[in-house]
Structures are given as structure tokens and as C-alpha cells.
C-alpha atoms as a PDB file:
ATOM      1  CA  MET A   1       0.443   0.229  -0.222  1.00  0.00           C
ATOM      2  CA  GLU A   2       1.269   3.458  -0.902  1.00  0.00           C
ATOM      3  CA  LYS A   3       2.104   5.855   1.439  1.00  0.00           C
ATOM      4  CA  GLY A   4       0.295   9.140   1.224  1.00  0.00           C
ATOM      5  CA  ARG A   5       0.744  12.127   3.000  1.00  0.00           C
ATOM      6  CA  ILE A   6       0.266  12.967   6.909  1.00  0.00           C
ATOM      7  CA  LEU A   7      -2.656  16.071   7.412  1.00  0.00           C
ATOM      8  CA  LEU A   8      -1.191  17.953  11.054  1.00  0.00           C
ATOM      9  CA  ALA A   9      -4.070  20.156  11.912  1.00  0.00           C
ATOM     10  CA  VAL A  10      -3.096  21.779  15.293  1.00  0.00           C
ATOM     11  CA  THR A  11      -4.755  25.150  16.622  1.00  0.00           C
ATOM     12  CA  GLY A  12      -3.256  26.324  20.851  1.00  0.00           C
ATOM     13  CA  PHE A  13       0.429  25.562  19.845  1.00  0.00           C
ATOM     14  CA  HIS A  14       3.636  25.887  16.733  1.00  0.00           C
ATOM     15  CA  PRO A  15       3.579  22.348  15.329  1.00  0.00           C
ATOM     16  CA  GLN A  16       6.921  22.488  14.185  1.00  0.00           C
ATOM     17  CA  ARG A  17       8.256  19.708  16.171  1.00  0.00           C
ATOM     18  CA  TRP A  18       5.485  16.612  15.065  1.00  0.00           C
ATOM     19  CA  ARG A  19       6.171  17.888  11.939  1.00  0.00           C
ATOM     20  CA  GLU A  20       9.557  17.396  11.994  1.00  0.00           C
ATOM     21  CA  LEU A  21       9.364  14.254  14.233  1.00  0.00           C
ATOM     22  CA  LEU A  22       6.558  12.917  11.084  1.00  0.00           C
ATOM     23  CA  SER A  23       8.207  14.334   8.306  1.00  0.00           C
ATOM     24  CA  ALA A  24      10.982  10.993   9.536  1.00  0.00           C
ATOM     25  CA  GLU A  25       9.348   8.653   7.314  1.00  0.00           C
ATOM     26  CA  ARG A  26       6.262  10.034   5.938  1.00  0.00           C
ATOM     27  CA  GLU A  27       5.269  13.534   4.030  1.00  0.00           C
ATOM     28  CA  VAL A  28       3.736  15.901   5.839  1.00  0.00           C
ATOM     29  CA  VAL A  29       1.206  19.483   5.505  1.00  0.00           C
ATOM     30  CA  LEU A  30      -0.363  21.390   7.158  1.00  0.00           C
ATOM     31  CA  GLU A  31      -2.973  21.792   4.487  1.00  0.00           C
ATOM     32  CA  PRO A  32      -4.293  20.069   2.788  1.00  0.00           C
ATOM     33  CA  ASP A  33      -4.410  20.703  -1.392  1.00  0.00           C
ATOM     34  CA  GLY A  34      -8.277  21.815  -1.828  1.00  0.00           C
ATOM     35  CA  ALA A  35     -10.839  19.875  -0.439  1.00  0.00           C
ATOM     36  CA  MET A  36     -10.570  16.970  -2.127  1.00  0.00           C
ATOM     37  CA  ASP A  37      -6.977  16.161  -1.308  1.00  0.00           C
ATOM     38  CA  PRO A  38      -6.763  11.994  -2.010  1.00  0.00           C
ATOM     39  CA  SER A  39      -3.206  12.779  -0.915  1.00  0.00           C
ATOM     40  CA  ILE A  40      -4.425  12.567   2.618  1.00  0.00           C
ATOM     41  CA  THR A  41      -4.119   8.851   4.437  1.00  0.00           C
ATOM     42  CA  TYR A  42      -4.115  10.556   7.803  1.00  0.00           C
ATOM     43  CA  ALA A  43      -4.656  13.074  10.432  1.00  0.00           C
ATOM     44  CA  VAL A  44      -2.507  14.238  13.169  1.00  0.00           C
ATOM     45  CA  VAL A  45      -4.823  16.501  14.907  1.00  0.00           C
ATOM     46  CA  TRP A  46      -5.430  18.673  17.877  1.00  0.00           C
ATOM     47  CA  LYS A  47      -8.972  21.237  18.507  1.00  0.00           C
ATOM     48  CA  GLN A  48      -8.539  20.887  13.791  1.00  0.00           C
ATOM     49  CA  LYS A  49     -11.207  23.440  11.990  1.00  0.00           C
ATOM     50  CA  PRO A  50     -14.448  22.240  11.642  1.00  0.00           C
ATOM     51  CA  ASN A  51     -15.174  20.156   8.163  1.00  0.00           C
ATOM     52  CA  LEU A  52     -11.944  20.292   7.257  1.00  0.00           C
ATOM     53  CA  LEU A  53     -11.609  16.148   7.509  1.00  0.00           C
ATOM     54  CA  SER A  54     -15.090  15.728   5.736  1.00  0.00           C
ATOM     55  CA  SER A  55     -14.201  15.893   1.755  1.00  0.00           C
ATOM     56  CA  LEU A  56     -10.841  13.993   2.422  1.00  0.00           C
ATOM     57  CA  PRO A  57     -11.642  11.316  -0.063  1.00  0.00           C
ATOM     58  CA  ASN A  58      -9.080   9.181   1.352  1.00  0.00           C
ATOM     59  CA  LEU A  59      -8.916   9.467   4.943  1.00  0.00           C
ATOM     60  CA  ARG A  60      -8.600   5.923   6.610  1.00  0.00           C
ATOM     61  CA  ALA A  61      -7.357   7.325   9.998  1.00  0.00           C
ATOM     62  CA  ILE A  62      -7.829  10.327  12.635  1.00  0.00           C
ATOM     63  CA  PHE A  63      -4.720  10.034  15.130  1.00  0.00           C
ATOM     64  CA  SER A  64      -5.349  12.849  18.492  1.00  0.00           C
ATOM     65  CA  ILE A  65      -1.942  14.854  19.875  1.00  0.00           C
ATOM     66  CA  GLY A  66      -3.857  15.247  23.513  1.00  0.00           C
ATOM     67  CA  ALA A  67      -4.689  12.596  25.673  1.00  0.00           C
ATOM     68  CA  GLY A  68      -8.495  13.854  24.849  1.00  0.00           C
ATOM     69  CA  VAL A  69     -10.518  13.500  22.104  1.00  0.00           C
ATOM     70  CA  ASP A  70     -13.812  15.312  22.982  1.00  0.00           C
ATOM     71  CA  HIS A  71     -11.928  17.900  20.493  1.00  0.00           C
ATOM     72  CA  ILE A  72     -12.184  15.275  17.620  1.00  0.00           C
ATOM     73  CA  PHE A  73     -16.202  14.521  18.658  1.00  0.00           C
ATOM     74  CA  ALA A  74     -16.199  18.605  18.315  1.00  0.00           C
ATOM     75  CA  ASP A  75     -15.885  18.406  14.078  1.00  0.00           C
ATOM     76  CA  PRO A  76     -19.346  18.482  12.770  1.00  0.00           C
ATOM     77  CA  GLY A  77     -18.206  17.332   9.871  1.00  0.00           C
ATOM     78  CA  LEU A  78     -16.433  13.971  11.507  1.00  0.00           C
ATOM     79  CA  PRO A  79     -15.643  11.579   8.683  1.00  0.00           C
ATOM     80  CA  ASP A  80     -16.336   8.123   9.896  1.00  0.00           C
ATOM     81  CA  VAL A  81     -12.975   6.399   9.744  1.00  0.00           C
ATOM     82  CA  PRO A  82     -10.768   4.721  13.384  1.00  0.00           C
ATOM     83  CA  ILE A  83      -9.609   6.732  15.885  1.00  0.00           C
ATOM     84  CA  VAL A  84      -6.520   7.186  17.963  1.00  0.00           C
ATOM     85  CA  LYS A  85      -6.655   8.621  21.163  1.00  0.00           C
ATOM     86  CA  VAL A  86      -3.369   8.247  22.720  1.00  0.00           C
ATOM     87  CA  VAL A  87      -1.633   6.028  25.719  1.00  0.00           C
ATOM     88  CA  ALA A  88       2.074   6.650  26.282  1.00  0.00           C
ATOM     89  CA  ASP A  89       4.206   5.438  28.430  1.00  0.00           C
ATOM     90  CA  ASN A  90       5.517   9.151  29.565  1.00  0.00           C
ATOM     91  CA  LEU A  91       2.451  10.808  29.137  1.00  0.00           C
ATOM     92  CA  THR A  92       1.050   7.793  31.869  1.00  0.00           C
ATOM     93  CA  GLN A  93       3.856   8.668  33.975  1.00  0.00           C
ATOM     94  CA  TYR A  94       3.558  12.369  33.900  1.00  0.00           C
ATOM     95  CA  MET A  95      -0.053  12.245  35.220  1.00  0.00           C
ATOM     96  CA  THR A  96       0.376   9.466  37.984  1.00  0.00           C
ATOM     97  CA  GLU A  97       3.434  11.950  38.672  1.00  0.00           C
ATOM     98  CA  TYR A  98       0.369  15.351  38.859  1.00  0.00           C
ATOM     99  CA  VAL A  99      -1.876  13.246  41.062  1.00  0.00           C
ATOM    100  CA  VAL A 100       0.008  12.018  43.511  1.00  0.00           C
ATOM    101  CA  TRP A 101       2.503  14.965  44.054  1.00  0.00           C
ATOM    102  CA  ARG A 102      -1.195  16.816  44.558  1.00  0.00           C
ATOM    103  CA  VAL A 103      -2.293  14.295  47.099  1.00  0.00           C
ATOM    104  CA  LEU A 104       0.756  13.634  49.147  1.00  0.00           C
ATOM    105  CA  ASP A 105       0.301  17.969  49.551  1.00  0.00           C
ATOM    106  CA  HIS A 106      -2.655  17.721  50.751  1.00  0.00           C
ATOM    107  CA  HIS A 107      -2.375  14.804  52.538  1.00  0.00           C
ATOM    108  CA  ARG A 108       1.221  16.545  54.191  1.00  0.00           C
ATOM    109  CA  GLN A 109      -0.972  20.453  54.162  1.00  0.00           C
ATOM    110  CA  GLY A 110       1.170  21.675  52.249  1.00  0.00           C
ATOM    111  CA  LEU A 111      -1.689  24.871  52.321  1.00  0.00           C
ATOM    112  CA  LEU A 112      -1.705  24.934  55.805  1.00  0.00           C
ATOM    113  CA  TYR A 113       2.820  25.106  56.007  1.00  0.00           C
ATOM    114  CA  ARG A 114       2.745  27.866  53.286  1.00  0.00           C
ATOM    115  CA  GLN A 115       0.856  30.141  54.766  1.00  0.00           C
ATOM    116  CA  GLN A 116       3.036  28.938  58.590  1.00  0.00           C
ATOM    117  CA  GLN A 117       5.444  29.753  55.994  1.00  0.00           C
ATOM    118  CA  GLN A 118       4.083  33.529  55.109  1.00  0.00           C
ATOM    119  CA  LYS A 119       3.358  34.199  58.963  1.00  0.00           C
ATOM    120  CA  LYS A 120       6.692  33.076  60.306  1.00  0.00           C
ATOM    121  CA  ILE A 121       5.143  30.342  62.686  1.00  0.00           C
ATOM    122  CA  TRP A 122       6.040  27.642  63.828  1.00  0.00           C
ATOM    123  CA  HIS A 123       3.527  24.694  65.065  1.00  0.00           C
ATOM    124  CA  GLU A 124       3.582  21.364  63.913  1.00  0.00           C
ATOM    125  CA  PRO A 125       0.114  19.900  63.633  1.00  0.00           C
ATOM    126  CA  PRO A 126      -0.717  16.308  63.976  1.00  0.00           C
ATOM    127  CA  GLN A 127      -0.185  14.617  60.526  1.00  0.00           C
ATOM    128  CA  ARG A 128      -2.631  11.404  60.261  1.00  0.00           C
ATOM    129  CA  PRO A 129      -0.945   7.955  58.581  1.00  0.00           C
ATOM    130  CA  ALA A 130      -2.520   7.203  54.725  1.00  0.00           C
ATOM    131  CA  GLY A 131      -4.365   4.308  55.722  1.00  0.00           C
ATOM    132  CA  ASP A 132      -5.965   6.931  57.127  1.00  0.00           C
ATOM    133  CA  ILE A 133      -7.018   8.654  54.314  1.00  0.00           C
ATOM    134  CA  SER A 134      -9.417   7.785  50.645  1.00  0.00           C
ATOM    135  CA  VAL A 135      -8.882   8.750  47.859  1.00  0.00           C
ATOM    136  CA  GLY A 136     -11.102   8.318  45.270  1.00  0.00           C
ATOM    137  CA  ILE A 137     -10.353   8.297  41.400  1.00  0.00           C
ATOM    138  CA  MET A 138     -13.627   9.147  39.277  1.00  0.00           C
ATOM    139  CA  GLY A 139     -12.002   7.314  35.683  1.00  0.00           C
ATOM    140  CA  LEU A 140     -10.019   4.109  35.865  1.00  0.00           C
ATOM    141  CA  GLY A 141      -8.761   3.857  32.286  1.00  0.00           C
ATOM    142  CA  ASN A 142      -4.858   3.837  32.068  1.00  0.00           C
ATOM    143  CA  LEU A 143      -4.339   6.746  33.889  1.00  0.00           C
ATOM    144  CA  GLY A 144      -6.846   6.352  36.794  1.00  0.00           C
ATOM    145  CA  ARG A 145      -4.994   2.558  37.482  1.00  0.00           C
ATOM    146  CA  ALA A 146      -1.823   4.036  36.553  1.00  0.00           C
ATOM    147  CA  ALA A 147      -2.479   6.362  39.683  1.00  0.00           C
ATOM    148  CA  ALA A 148      -4.411   3.680  41.697  1.00  0.00           C
ATOM    149  CA  SER A 149      -1.511   1.643  42.135  1.00  0.00           C
ATOM    150  CA  VAL A 150       0.759   4.257  43.398  1.00  0.00           C
ATOM    151  CA  LEU A 151      -0.942   5.919  45.102  1.00  0.00           C
ATOM    152  CA  LEU A 152      -1.784   2.175  47.106  1.00  0.00           C
ATOM    153  CA  SER A 153       1.546   1.870  47.238  1.00  0.00           C
ATOM    154  CA  LEU A 154       2.321   4.909  49.293  1.00  0.00           C
ATOM    155  CA  GLY A 155      -0.333   3.154  51.890  1.00  0.00           C
ATOM    156  CA  PHE A 156      -3.648   5.140  51.022  1.00  0.00           C
ATOM    157  CA  ALA A 157      -6.873   3.272  50.761  1.00  0.00           C
ATOM    158  CA  VAL A 158      -8.275   3.657  46.982  1.00  0.00           C
ATOM    159  CA  ASN A 159     -11.651   4.008  45.586  1.00  0.00           C
ATOM    160  CA  GLY A 160     -12.362   3.641  41.738  1.00  0.00           C
ATOM    161  CA  TRP A 161     -15.817   5.127  39.829  1.00  0.00           C
ATOM    162  CA  SER A 162     -16.638   4.565  36.454  1.00  0.00           C
ATOM    163  CA  ARG A 163     -19.273   4.314  34.085  1.00  0.00           C
ATOM    164  CA  THR A 164     -19.017   0.559  33.911  1.00  0.00           C
ATOM    165  CA  GLU A 165     -17.568  -1.336  36.679  1.00  0.00           C
ATOM    166  CA  ARG A 166     -13.045  -1.982  35.839  1.00  0.00           C
ATOM    167  CA  PRO A 167     -12.414  -4.533  38.698  1.00  0.00           C
ATOM    168  CA  MET A 168      -9.014  -3.094  40.104  1.00  0.00           C
ATOM    169  CA  GLN A 169      -6.764  -5.517  43.102  1.00  0.00           C
ATOM    170  CA  GLY A 170      -6.798  -3.326  46.158  1.00  0.00           C
ATOM    171  CA  VAL A 171      -9.275  -0.455  45.157  1.00  0.00           C
ATOM    172  CA  ALA A 172     -13.666  -0.340  45.695  1.00  0.00           C
ATOM    173  CA  THR A 173     -14.711  -0.008  42.893  1.00  0.00           C
ATOM    174  CA  TYR A 174     -18.521   1.337  42.030  1.00  0.00           C
ATOM    175  CA  SER A 175     -19.737   2.164  38.875  1.00  0.00           C
ATOM    176  CA  GLY A 176     -23.174   3.983  36.941  1.00  0.00           C
ATOM    177  CA  GLU A 177     -25.545   5.726  38.129  1.00  0.00           C
ATOM    178  CA  ALA A 178     -25.704   3.779  40.894  1.00  0.00           C
ATOM    179  CA  GLY A 179     -22.378   3.165  42.228  1.00  0.00           C
ATOM    180  CA  LEU A 180     -21.721   7.590  41.868  1.00  0.00           C
ATOM    181  CA  ILE A 181     -23.357   8.616  45.515  1.00  0.00           C
ATOM    182  CA  PRO A 182     -22.004   5.604  47.494  1.00  0.00           C
ATOM    183  CA  PHE A 183     -17.962   6.162  46.101  1.00  0.00           C
ATOM    184  CA  LEU A 184     -18.225  10.750  47.003  1.00  0.00           C
ATOM    185  CA  LYS A 185     -19.644   9.117  50.499  1.00  0.00           C
ATOM    186  CA  ALA A 186     -16.554   6.982  50.779  1.00  0.00           C
ATOM    187  CA  THR A 187     -13.671   9.203  49.638  1.00  0.00           C
ATOM    188  CA  ASP A 188     -12.309  11.518  51.618  1.00  0.00           C
ATOM    189  CA  ILE A 189     -10.020  13.370  48.338  1.00  0.00           C
ATOM    190  CA  LEU A 190     -11.485  13.047  44.579  1.00  0.00           C
ATOM    191  CA  VAL A 191      -8.752  13.060  41.666  1.00  0.00           C
ATOM    192  CA  VAL A 192     -11.071  13.568  38.392  1.00  0.00           C
ATOM    193  CA  LEU A 193      -9.391  11.713  35.414  1.00  0.00           C
ATOM    194  CA  LEU A 194     -12.893  11.147  33.150  1.00  0.00           C
ATOM    195  CA  PRO A 195     -12.675  11.535  29.663  1.00  0.00           C
ATOM    196  CA  LEU A 196     -15.346  14.826  28.964  1.00  0.00           C
ATOM    197  CA  THR A 197     -18.173  13.011  27.211  1.00  0.00           C
ATOM    198  CA  PRO A 198     -21.813  14.484  27.081  1.00  0.00           C
ATOM    199  CA  ASP A 199     -22.604  12.319  30.151  1.00  0.00           C
ATOM    200  CA  THR A 200     -19.340  13.664  32.168  1.00  0.00           C
ATOM    201  CA  GLN A 201     -19.536  17.698  31.087  1.00  0.00           C
ATOM    202  CA  GLY A 202     -20.180  19.491  33.951  1.00  0.00           C
ATOM    203  CA  ILE A 203     -20.393  16.036  36.612  1.00  0.00           C
ATOM    204  CA  ILE A 204     -18.570  18.387  39.250  1.00  0.00           C
ATOM    205  CA  ASN A 205     -21.082  20.386  40.455  1.00  0.00           C
ATOM    206  CA  TYR A 206     -21.797  21.834  43.427  1.00  0.00           C
ATOM    207  CA  GLY A 207     -24.561  18.664  44.221  1.00  0.00           C
ATOM    208  CA  VAL A 208     -21.447  15.903  43.557  1.00  0.00           C
ATOM    209  CA  LEU A 209     -19.461  18.101  46.040  1.00  0.00           C
ATOM    210  CA  LYS A 210     -21.211  18.414  48.932  1.00  0.00           C
ATOM    211  CA  GLU A 211     -21.446  14.464  49.351  1.00  0.00           C
ATOM    212  CA  LEU A 212     -17.795  13.874  49.606  1.00  0.00           C
ATOM    213  CA  ARG A 213     -16.992  12.623  53.288  1.00  0.00           C
ATOM    214  CA  LYS A 214     -16.240  15.710  55.463  1.00  0.00           C
ATOM    215  CA  ARG A 215     -15.746  14.566  58.785  1.00  0.00           C
ATOM    216  CA  ASN A 216     -12.001  12.601  58.072  1.00  0.00           C
ATOM    217  CA  GLY A 217      -8.451  12.923  58.735  1.00  0.00           C
ATOM    218  CA  LEU A 218      -7.845  16.253  56.529  1.00  0.00           C
ATOM    219  CA  GLY A 219     -10.565  17.964  58.306  1.00  0.00           C
ATOM    220  CA  GLY A 220     -12.099  18.308  55.036  1.00  0.00           C
ATOM    221  CA  SER A 221     -12.570  16.749  51.445  1.00  0.00           C
ATOM    222  CA  VAL A 222     -10.701  17.518  48.253  1.00  0.00           C
ATOM    223  CA  LEU A 223     -10.672  17.997  45.139  1.00  0.00           C
ATOM    224  CA  ILE A 224      -8.276  17.339  42.094  1.00  0.00           C
ATOM    225  CA  ASN A 225      -9.082  18.118  38.566  1.00  0.00           C
ATOM    226  CA  ALA A 226      -6.721  16.754  35.743  1.00  0.00           C
ATOM    227  CA  GLY A 227      -8.881  15.813  33.672  1.00  0.00           C
ATOM    228  CA  ARG A 228     -10.720  17.735  31.200  1.00  0.00           C
ATOM    229  CA  GLY A 229     -12.543  21.080  32.073  1.00  0.00           C
ATOM    230  CA  ARG A 230     -15.720  21.145  31.552  1.00  0.00           C
ATOM    231  CA  LEU A 231     -16.048  18.427  33.246  1.00  0.00           C
ATOM    232  CA  GLN A 232     -16.317  20.714  36.118  1.00  0.00           C
ATOM    233  CA  LYS A 233     -17.986  24.207  36.719  1.00  0.00           C
ATOM    234  CA  ASP A 234     -16.527  27.216  38.065  1.00  0.00           C
ATOM    235  CA  ALA A 235     -18.280  28.607  39.747  1.00  0.00           C
ATOM    236  CA  ASP A 236     -19.681  25.542  42.162  1.00  0.00           C
ATOM    237  CA  ILE A 237     -16.038  25.174  43.296  1.00  0.00           C
ATOM    238  CA  VAL A 238     -16.164  28.131  44.697  1.00  0.00           C
ATOM    239  CA  ARG A 239     -18.878  28.222  46.424  1.00  0.00           C
ATOM    240  CA  ALA A 240     -18.097  25.162  47.774  1.00  0.00           C
ATOM    241  CA  LEU A 241     -14.705  26.554  49.269  1.00  0.00           C
ATOM    242  CA  ASP A 242     -16.578  29.487  50.363  1.00  0.00           C
ATOM    243  CA  ASP A 243     -19.047  27.675  52.197  1.00  0.00           C
ATOM    244  CA  GLY A 244     -16.582  24.613  53.381  1.00  0.00           C
ATOM    245  CA  THR A 245     -18.203  21.761  51.495  1.00  0.00           C
ATOM    246  CA  LEU A 246     -14.521  21.506  50.078  1.00  0.00           C
ATOM    247  CA  LYS A 247     -11.597  22.465  52.518  1.00  0.00           C
ATOM    248  CA  GLU A 248      -9.042  22.565  49.254  1.00  0.00           C
ATOM    249  CA  ALA A 249      -8.089  22.432  45.017  1.00  0.00           C
ATOM    250  CA  SER A 250      -5.859  21.419  43.075  1.00  0.00           C
ATOM    251  CA  LEU A 251      -7.181  22.057  39.491  1.00  0.00           C
ATOM    252  CA  ASP A 252      -5.222  21.718  36.023  1.00  0.00           C
ATOM    253  CA  VAL A 253      -8.425  22.437  34.106  1.00  0.00           C
ATOM    254  CA  PHE A 254     -10.931  24.749  34.025  1.00  0.00           C
ATOM    255  CA  GLU A 255     -14.166  26.007  32.181  1.00  0.00           C
ATOM    256  CA  VAL A 256     -12.075  28.215  29.390  1.00  0.00           C
ATOM    257  CA  GLU A 257      -9.000  28.192  28.402  1.00  0.00           C
ATOM    258  CA  PRO A 258      -6.610  29.924  29.597  1.00  0.00           C
ATOM    259  CA  LEU A 259      -8.574  30.478  32.814  1.00  0.00           C
ATOM    260  CA  PRO A 260      -9.286  34.305  32.085  1.00  0.00           C
ATOM    261  CA  LYS A 261      -7.651  36.561  34.802  1.00  0.00           C
ATOM    262  CA  THR A 262     -10.917  37.502  36.366  1.00  0.00           C
ATOM    263  CA  SER A 263     -11.643  34.253  37.165  1.00  0.00           C
ATOM    264  CA  PRO A 264     -11.947  34.335  41.764  1.00  0.00           C
ATOM    265  CA  LEU A 265      -9.705  30.552  41.400  1.00  0.00           C
ATOM    266  CA  TRP A 266      -6.019  32.416  40.658  1.00  0.00           C
ATOM    267  CA  SER A 267      -6.547  34.082  43.708  1.00  0.00           C
ATOM    268  CA  HIS A 268      -8.538  32.001  46.011  1.00  0.00           C
ATOM    269  CA  PRO A 269      -6.672  31.399  48.695  1.00  0.00           C
ATOM    270  CA  LYS A 270      -7.840  27.016  49.144  1.00  0.00           C
ATOM    271  CA  VAL A 271      -6.779  26.620  45.670  1.00  0.00           C
ATOM    272  CA  PHE A 272      -3.387  25.984  43.794  1.00  0.00           C
ATOM    273  CA  VAL A 273      -2.960  26.272  40.076  1.00  0.00           C
ATOM    274  CA  THR A 274      -1.154  24.643  37.642  1.00  0.00           C
ATOM    275  CA  PRO A 275      -2.389  25.956  33.856  1.00  0.00           C
ATOM    276  CA  HIS A 276      -3.441  22.405  32.264  1.00  0.00           C
ATOM    277  CA  ALA A 277      -0.289  21.377  32.374  1.00  0.00           C
ATOM    278  CA  ALA A 278      -0.327  17.748  34.132  1.00  0.00           C
ATOM    279  CA  ALA A 279       0.144  15.208  31.464  1.00  0.00           C
ATOM    280  CA  THR A 280       1.530  17.244  28.776  1.00  0.00           C
ATOM    281  CA  SER A 281       2.031  15.374  24.565  1.00  0.00           C
ATOM    282  CA  ASP A 282       5.515  15.276  24.089  1.00  0.00           C
ATOM    283  CA  PRO A 283       5.919  14.398  19.874  1.00  0.00           C
ATOM    284  CA  MET A 284       9.809  12.774  21.208  1.00  0.00           C
ATOM    285  CA  HIS A 285       7.029   9.661  22.468  1.00  0.00           C
ATOM    286  CA  LEU A 286       4.253  10.131  21.243  1.00  0.00           C
ATOM    287  CA  ALA A 287       5.371  10.809  16.970  1.00  0.00           C
ATOM    288  CA  PRO A 288       7.445   7.800  16.291  1.00  0.00           C
ATOM    289  CA  THR A 289       4.356   5.809  17.839  1.00  0.00           C
ATOM    290  CA  MET A 290       1.657   7.034  15.990  1.00  0.00           C
ATOM    291  CA  LEU A 291       4.055   6.216  12.500  1.00  0.00           C
ATOM    292  CA  ARG A 292       5.100   3.170  14.169  1.00  0.00           C
ATOM    293  CA  GLN A 293       0.485   2.123  14.211  1.00  0.00           C
ATOM    294  CA  MET A 294       0.247   3.616  10.678  1.00  0.00           C
ATOM    295  CA  ASP A 295       2.800   1.434   8.956  1.00  0.00           C
ATOM    296  CA  ALA A 296       1.197  -1.331  11.034  1.00  0.00           C
ATOM    297  CA  PHE A 297      -1.401  -0.680   9.443  1.00  0.00           C
ATOM    298  CA  GLU A 298      -1.225  -0.579   6.876  1.00  0.00           C
ATOM    299  CA  ARG A 299       0.528  -4.134   6.457  1.00  0.00           C
ATOM    300  CA  GLY A 300      -3.187  -4.932   7.734  1.00  0.00           C
ATOM    301  CA  GLU A 301      -2.692  -5.539  11.327  1.00  0.00           C
ATOM    302  CA  ARG A 302      -5.618  -4.173  14.034  1.00  0.00           C
ATOM    303  CA  LEU A 303      -4.949  -0.336  15.050  1.00  0.00           C
ATOM    304  CA  GLU A 304      -4.474  -0.182  19.095  1.00  0.00           C
ATOM    305  CA  ASN A 305      -5.753   1.969  21.430  1.00  0.00           C
ATOM    306  CA  LEU A 306      -9.377   3.300  18.877  1.00  0.00           C
ATOM    307  CA  VAL A 307     -12.183   5.801  20.691  1.00  0.00           C
ATOM    308  CA  ASP A 308     -15.335   4.041  20.798  1.00  0.00           C
ATOM    309  CA  ARG A 309     -17.411   6.314  19.182  1.00  0.00           C
ATOM    310  CA  LYS A 310     -20.503   4.890  20.876  1.00  0.00           C
ATOM    311  CA  ALA A 311     -18.961   6.190  24.078  1.00  0.00           C
ATOM    312  CA  GLY A 312     -17.217   9.506  23.422  1.00  0.00           C
ATOM    313  CA  TYR A 313     -13.862   8.003  24.715  1.00  0.00           C
END
């Protein structure tokens, strides 16, 4: 099978490094040669322009640059070809590092110590062991399971919730609508790693946050969102922090990104903000994986890590 060209269609960042690495084996273009360009066989995308892919007659597969694929489904002209999501060891490692970092910071009272340092207060508060703290992970895919394994090794009690049952040794798992409230009531630190779909949009709202366990070794419930920004309602998080429903929050993603300078989350004393940096896609690792998949597909092998269009992830 003749190798066709790759369309690299990205917005929000400079594509040069991706283009250099993908060009090692295939011709890469940033725009098709007209609306019916027959030379393009693969598209590597991040928030591509609407309807850009719909008229490419020989398009065989779409590869997402990021871990999320909601940006692809936002295209009203999305063609009916396989969609491949990112699964890479380094991306999983980055996300695991972020989750463990934020869990440990909340568990070891990082916010309190930073406040004490500013005021030059020398005081050691009581510290509970990790086994007294329950971390609940929403989303038990590759990223969630990797983070859960490390948290278990550190001695935390770990819960997991997913749309369908996803058993994992050592983790108390819950699923579906019926399992959500029991999961929340057993959770002290909520870690959100869900994909964004029509069913999960806005799921982290005040009604959900008020179900978290508050009488715990932390002195209140904690939210960590490193999934997708539109999973949460920013205003509901502020409300929950202000009225004590939440003790603290670490947020890497937001409803609108970049986070507007007018957002109260920037200066909220109980919030730790990072700029969607928990797990950045590294082209050095991901581009060769995409090229290998393309070669294997042309040999008649199945594509790996395919998106379930019905589920949306």
C-alpha cells in the first residue's frame, strides 16, 4: 500500500516539532491541497478546524495529539474513520506524578505549612497516616489505574468510579449512576480523570461535591481535577470552597482555557492552579508511536487504542 501524506491539523500551539518528527518517514502538510485532496491518508489533530476532514476521500485514520478526544467529536463534519487516542508510557508517568504530588501535598498539609511560613509560625499540626485517607479516582482507564497503583503502594485507601464496572485489585470499585453517591461518601480526596463526553460534562458540580466525606483525617474534603475542564463547574467549586463544602482544591483544567484573569480561582486562598500542565503530550515519544501504528495498519494489522465512538472515548 502506497504511503500517503499526513495532514497535521493543530491549533493552540506551534506544530513545527511534530512536523519534523513525523516527516522522518512520511510527507507532512499543514493544509490539504484543496477540499478533496486525495493524497492525505492520515490526520494528526488537536482542535482541528470544523469540517476540515470531511471531504478527504482517502483518509484512513485520525490520531489525537492529546489524551482527550472531545475536541475531535466537536467537529460537525467528522468522517467515519477510525480514531486513535494517545496511550504512552511517558504521558501516563506525567499524570501519575501530578496526581501523587497533589494528593501528597493535601495529605501532608502543604497549604497550611505555606501559610505558616508566610506568617513565620513554627507549629507542627497532627499528621494522619496515609491509611486513614481515602482517595477516590473518577475514571479507571490507563491513567487512573496507574495513579491508583502508586497511591496504593504509598498506603492510601483507594476507591474508583467509572461508567461501567472496572475491577482492580486493592481498589474498592463503584460504577454507574447507582454507584456514584456511595463512592463519593467513601472519598476524602476526589481525583477526576474522566474523559469528557455529553454524559460527563459538568459532572463536578455542587451537588456532587457536597456528597464527599467531610469528617475525615484531613479536616475536610479535597478536589483534584486533572481530566478535562468542562467536567467541572468553576462557579460551583468556588461556592463549595467558600462555604466549607470543600477544604481545598488543586485544578489543572478549567471550563475556559487559558483561565481568564478575572476568575476568582487565580487568587482563591484554598486553590492550587496549574495551566493544564499535568501531562503534556511529548512529540518525541508520541510521533514515533503514531508512525509505527500507520505502518502496521498498512500491513493489515489492527490499530491500537481505538476510540469507542458510541462511548465518546
